[in-house]
């Protein structure tokens, strides 16, 4: 009986690890693309630096929330296993 519980907890930990790993790949790529495009936009239009920076920070916060959701789901998976 305890062997089944051990296997279920091990599966939950492995699943949580995969959830965080896969859930972090997309936001990392998205943040890289947003940063790249913001640098290009500032290079082409230096006068618009303030507006571009504000928009970039707002976009980065939305992207980062996706990674935080993946972490929360992984923690809930571990907590309720």
N, C-alpha and C. Protein backbone atom coordinates (compact mmCIF):
# COMPACT_ATOMS: atom_id res chain seq x y z
N UNK A 1 0.83 -1.21 0.00
CA UNK A 1 0.00 0.00 0.00
C UNK A 1 0.86 1.25 0.00
N UNK A 2 1.89 1.28 0.83
CA UNK A 2 2.73 2.48 0.88
C UNK A 2 3.55 2.64 -0.39
N UNK A 3 3.78 1.54 -1.09
CA UNK A 3 4.53 1.63 -2.35
C UNK A 3 3.72 2.41 -3.40
N UNK A 4 2.40 2.21 -3.42
CA UNK A 4 1.55 2.93 -4.35
C UNK A 4 1.51 4.43 -4.05
N UNK A 5 1.48 4.76 -2.77
CA UNK A 5 1.50 6.17 -2.39
C UNK A 5 2.83 6.81 -2.78
N UNK A 6 3.92 6.07 -2.57
CA UNK A 6 5.24 6.59 -2.94
C UNK A 6 5.31 6.84 -4.44
N UNK A 7 4.80 5.90 -5.25
CA UNK A 7 4.83 6.07 -6.70
C UNK A 7 3.96 7.25 -7.14
N UNK A 8 2.83 7.43 -6.49
CA UNK A 8 1.95 8.56 -6.84
C UNK A 8 2.62 9.89 -6.52
N UNK A 9 3.28 9.97 -5.37
CA UNK A 9 3.98 11.21 -5.03
C UNK A 9 5.16 11.45 -5.97
N UNK A 10 5.88 10.39 -6.32
CA UNK A 10 6.99 10.53 -7.26
C UNK A 10 6.50 11.02 -8.61
N UNK A 11 5.37 10.48 -9.08
CA UNK A 11 4.80 10.92 -10.34
C UNK A 11 4.36 12.39 -10.27
N UNK A 12 3.83 12.80 -9.11
CA UNK A 12 3.41 14.20 -8.95
C UNK A 12 4.62 15.13 -9.00
N UNK A 13 5.72 14.74 -8.37
CA UNK A 13 6.92 15.57 -8.39
C UNK A 13 7.51 15.65 -9.81
N UNK A 14 7.52 14.54 -10.51
CA UNK A 14 8.03 14.55 -11.89
C UNK A 14 7.12 15.39 -12.78
N UNK A 15 5.81 15.24 -12.60
CA UNK A 15 4.87 16.05 -13.38
C UNK A 15 5.01 17.53 -13.09
N UNK A 16 5.24 17.87 -11.83
CA UNK A 16 5.42 19.28 -11.47
C UNK A 16 6.70 19.82 -12.11
N UNK A 17 7.74 19.02 -12.13
CA UNK A 17 8.98 19.45 -12.77
C UNK A 17 8.79 19.70 -14.26
N UNK A 18 8.06 18.81 -14.93
CA UNK A 18 7.78 19.01 -16.34
C UNK A 18 6.89 20.23 -16.57
N UNK A 19 5.92 20.46 -15.69
CA UNK A 19 5.03 21.61 -15.83
C UNK A 19 5.81 22.92 -15.75
N UNK A 20 6.74 22.99 -14.81
CA UNK A 20 7.54 24.22 -14.68
C UNK A 20 8.50 24.36 -15.86
N UNK A 21 9.12 23.26 -16.27
CA UNK A 21 10.09 23.32 -17.37
C UNK A 21 9.42 23.73 -18.68
N UNK A 22 8.35 23.08 -19.01
CA UNK A 22 7.66 23.39 -20.27
C UNK A 22 6.95 24.73 -20.17
N UNK A 23 6.41 25.03 -19.01
CA UNK A 23 5.72 26.30 -18.82
C UNK A 23 6.64 27.49 -18.79
N UNK A 24 7.93 27.28 -18.67
CA UNK A 24 8.89 28.39 -18.65
C UNK A 24 9.53 28.63 -20.01
N UNK A 25 9.47 27.67 -20.90
CA UNK A 25 10.11 27.83 -22.21
C UNK A 25 9.42 28.92 -23.03
N UNK A 26 8.10 28.88 -23.10
CA UNK A 26 7.36 29.87 -23.88
C UNK A 26 7.56 31.30 -23.40
N UNK A 27 7.39 31.56 -22.10
CA UNK A 27 7.62 32.92 -21.62
C UNK A 27 9.06 33.40 -21.82
N UNK A 28 10.02 32.50 -21.69
CA UNK A 28 11.42 32.91 -21.90
C UNK A 28 11.64 33.33 -23.35
N UNK A 29 11.12 32.56 -24.28
CA UNK A 29 11.24 32.94 -25.69
C UNK A 29 10.48 34.23 -25.99
N UNK A 30 9.30 34.38 -25.39
CA UNK A 30 8.52 35.59 -25.60
C UNK A 30 9.21 36.83 -25.06
N UNK A 31 9.82 36.72 -23.89
CA UNK A 31 10.53 37.87 -23.34
C UNK A 31 11.74 38.23 -24.20
N UNK A 32 12.40 37.23 -24.71
CA UNK A 32 13.54 37.51 -25.60
C UNK A 32 13.10 38.25 -26.86
N UNK A 33 11.99 37.81 -27.43
CA UNK A 33 11.50 38.48 -28.65
C UNK A 33 11.03 39.90 -28.37
N UNK A 34 10.36 40.09 -27.23
CA UNK A 34 9.89 41.44 -26.88
C UNK A 34 11.08 42.37 -26.66
N UNK A 35 12.09 41.90 -25.95
CA UNK A 35 13.28 42.72 -25.72
C UNK A 35 14.00 43.06 -27.01
N UNK A 36 14.11 42.08 -27.91
CA UNK A 36 14.76 42.30 -29.20
C UNK A 36 14.02 43.36 -30.02
N UNK A 37 12.70 43.21 -30.08
CA UNK A 37 11.91 44.16 -30.86
C UNK A 37 11.93 45.56 -30.25
N UNK A 38 11.95 45.64 -28.93
CA UNK A 38 12.01 46.95 -28.27
C UNK A 38 13.35 47.63 -28.57
N UNK A 39 14.44 46.86 -28.52
CA UNK A 39 15.75 47.45 -28.84
C UNK A 39 15.80 47.93 -30.28
N UNK A 40 15.23 47.16 -31.19
CA UNK A 40 15.20 47.58 -32.59
C UNK A 40 14.35 48.84 -32.76
N UNK A 41 13.21 48.89 -32.07
CA UNK A 41 12.33 50.06 -32.19
C UNK A 41 13.00 51.30 -31.62
N UNK A 42 13.71 51.17 -30.50
CA UNK A 42 14.41 52.32 -29.92
C UNK A 42 15.54 52.76 -30.83
N UNK A 43 16.20 51.79 -31.47
CA UNK A 43 17.27 52.14 -32.40
C UNK A 43 16.76 52.90 -33.61
N UNK A 44 15.57 52.56 -34.08
CA UNK A 44 15.00 53.23 -35.25
C UNK A 44 14.35 54.56 -34.88
N UNK A 45 13.83 54.66 -33.64
CA UNK A 45 13.11 55.86 -33.24
C UNK A 45 13.51 56.24 -31.81
N UNK A 46 14.66 56.88 -31.64
CA UNK A 46 15.12 57.22 -30.28
C UNK A 46 14.21 58.18 -29.53
N UNK A 47 13.43 58.97 -30.25
CA UNK A 47 12.53 59.91 -29.58
C UNK A 47 11.39 59.21 -28.86
N UNK A 48 11.06 58.02 -29.30
CA UNK A 48 9.94 57.29 -28.70
C UNK A 48 10.36 56.32 -27.61
N UNK A 49 11.53 56.54 -27.02
CA UNK A 49 12.07 55.61 -26.03
C UNK A 49 11.13 55.40 -24.85
N UNK A 50 10.55 56.47 -24.33
CA UNK A 50 9.69 56.37 -23.16
C UNK A 50 8.46 55.51 -23.41
N UNK A 51 7.78 55.76 -24.54
CA UNK A 51 6.58 54.98 -24.86
C UNK A 51 6.92 53.53 -25.16
N UNK A 52 8.03 53.32 -25.86
CA UNK A 52 8.44 51.96 -26.18
C UNK A 52 8.79 51.20 -24.91
N UNK A 53 9.52 51.85 -24.01
CA UNK A 53 9.90 51.19 -22.76
C UNK A 53 8.67 50.84 -21.92
N UNK A 54 7.71 51.75 -21.84
CA UNK A 54 6.49 51.49 -21.07
C UNK A 54 5.73 50.30 -21.66
N UNK A 55 5.57 50.28 -22.96
CA UNK A 55 4.87 49.18 -23.62
C UNK A 55 5.62 47.86 -23.42
N UNK A 56 6.95 47.91 -23.49
CA UNK A 56 7.76 46.71 -23.31
C UNK A 56 7.60 46.15 -21.89
N UNK A 57 7.64 47.02 -20.90
CA UNK A 57 7.51 46.56 -19.51
C UNK A 57 6.12 45.97 -19.28
N UNK A 58 5.09 46.56 -19.84
CA UNK A 58 3.74 46.01 -19.72
C UNK A 58 3.64 44.64 -20.38
N UNK A 59 4.21 44.50 -21.57
CA UNK A 59 4.20 43.21 -22.25
C UNK A 59 4.99 42.16 -21.49
N UNK A 60 6.12 42.56 -20.93
CA UNK A 60 6.94 41.62 -20.15
C UNK A 60 6.18 41.13 -18.92
N UNK A 61 5.41 42.01 -18.30
CA UNK A 61 4.67 41.58 -17.11
C UNK A 61 3.58 40.57 -17.47
N UNK A 62 2.92 40.75 -18.62
CA UNK A 62 1.92 39.78 -19.05
C UNK A 62 2.56 38.45 -19.40
N UNK A 63 3.72 38.49 -20.04
CA UNK A 63 4.42 37.27 -20.39
C UNK A 63 4.88 36.54 -19.13
N UNK A 64 5.39 37.28 -18.16
CA UNK A 64 5.89 36.66 -16.93
C UNK A 64 4.76 36.01 -16.14
N UNK A 65 3.56 36.55 -16.26
CA UNK A 65 2.44 35.94 -15.53
C UNK A 65 2.17 34.52 -16.01
N UNK A 66 2.44 34.21 -17.27
CA UNK A 66 2.27 32.84 -17.76
C UNK A 66 3.22 31.88 -17.07
N UNK A 67 4.45 32.32 -16.84
CA UNK A 67 5.42 31.47 -16.13
C UNK A 67 5.01 31.30 -14.67
N UNK A 68 4.46 32.33 -14.07
CA UNK A 68 4.02 32.24 -12.68
C UNK A 68 2.83 31.29 -12.57
N UNK A 69 1.93 31.31 -13.56
CA UNK A 69 0.81 30.37 -13.55
C UNK A 69 1.31 28.93 -13.62
N UNK A 70 2.32 28.67 -14.43
CA UNK A 70 2.89 27.32 -14.52
C UNK A 70 3.47 26.90 -13.17
N UNK A 71 4.13 27.81 -12.49
CA UNK A 71 4.68 27.49 -11.18
C UNK A 71 3.57 27.21 -10.17
N UNK A 72 2.52 27.99 -10.20
CA UNK A 72 1.40 27.79 -9.28
C UNK A 72 0.75 26.43 -9.52
N UNK A 73 0.55 26.07 -10.77
CA UNK A 73 -0.05 24.77 -11.10
C UNK A 73 0.85 23.64 -10.61
N UNK A 74 2.16 23.79 -10.77
CA UNK A 74 3.09 22.76 -10.32
C UNK A 74 3.05 22.64 -8.79
N UNK A 75 2.99 23.74 -8.10
CA UNK A 75 2.93 23.69 -6.64
C UNK A 75 1.61 23.08 -6.16
N UNK A 76 0.52 23.39 -6.84
CA UNK A 76 -0.76 22.78 -6.48
C UNK A 76 -0.74 21.28 -6.73
N UNK A 77 -0.08 20.87 -7.81
CA UNK A 77 0.03 19.45 -8.12
C UNK A 77 0.77 18.71 -7.01
N UNK A 78 1.84 19.32 -6.51
CA UNK A 78 2.59 18.70 -5.42
C UNK A 78 1.78 18.75 -4.12
N UNK A 79 1.13 19.85 -3.85
CA UNK A 79 0.42 20.03 -2.58
C UNK A 79 -0.74 19.05 -2.45
N UNK A 80 -1.48 18.83 -3.54
CA UNK A 80 -2.65 17.98 -3.47
C UNK A 80 -2.37 16.52 -3.82
N UNK A 81 -1.12 16.13 -3.97
CA UNK A 81 -0.83 14.73 -4.28
C UNK A 81 -0.74 13.91 -3.01
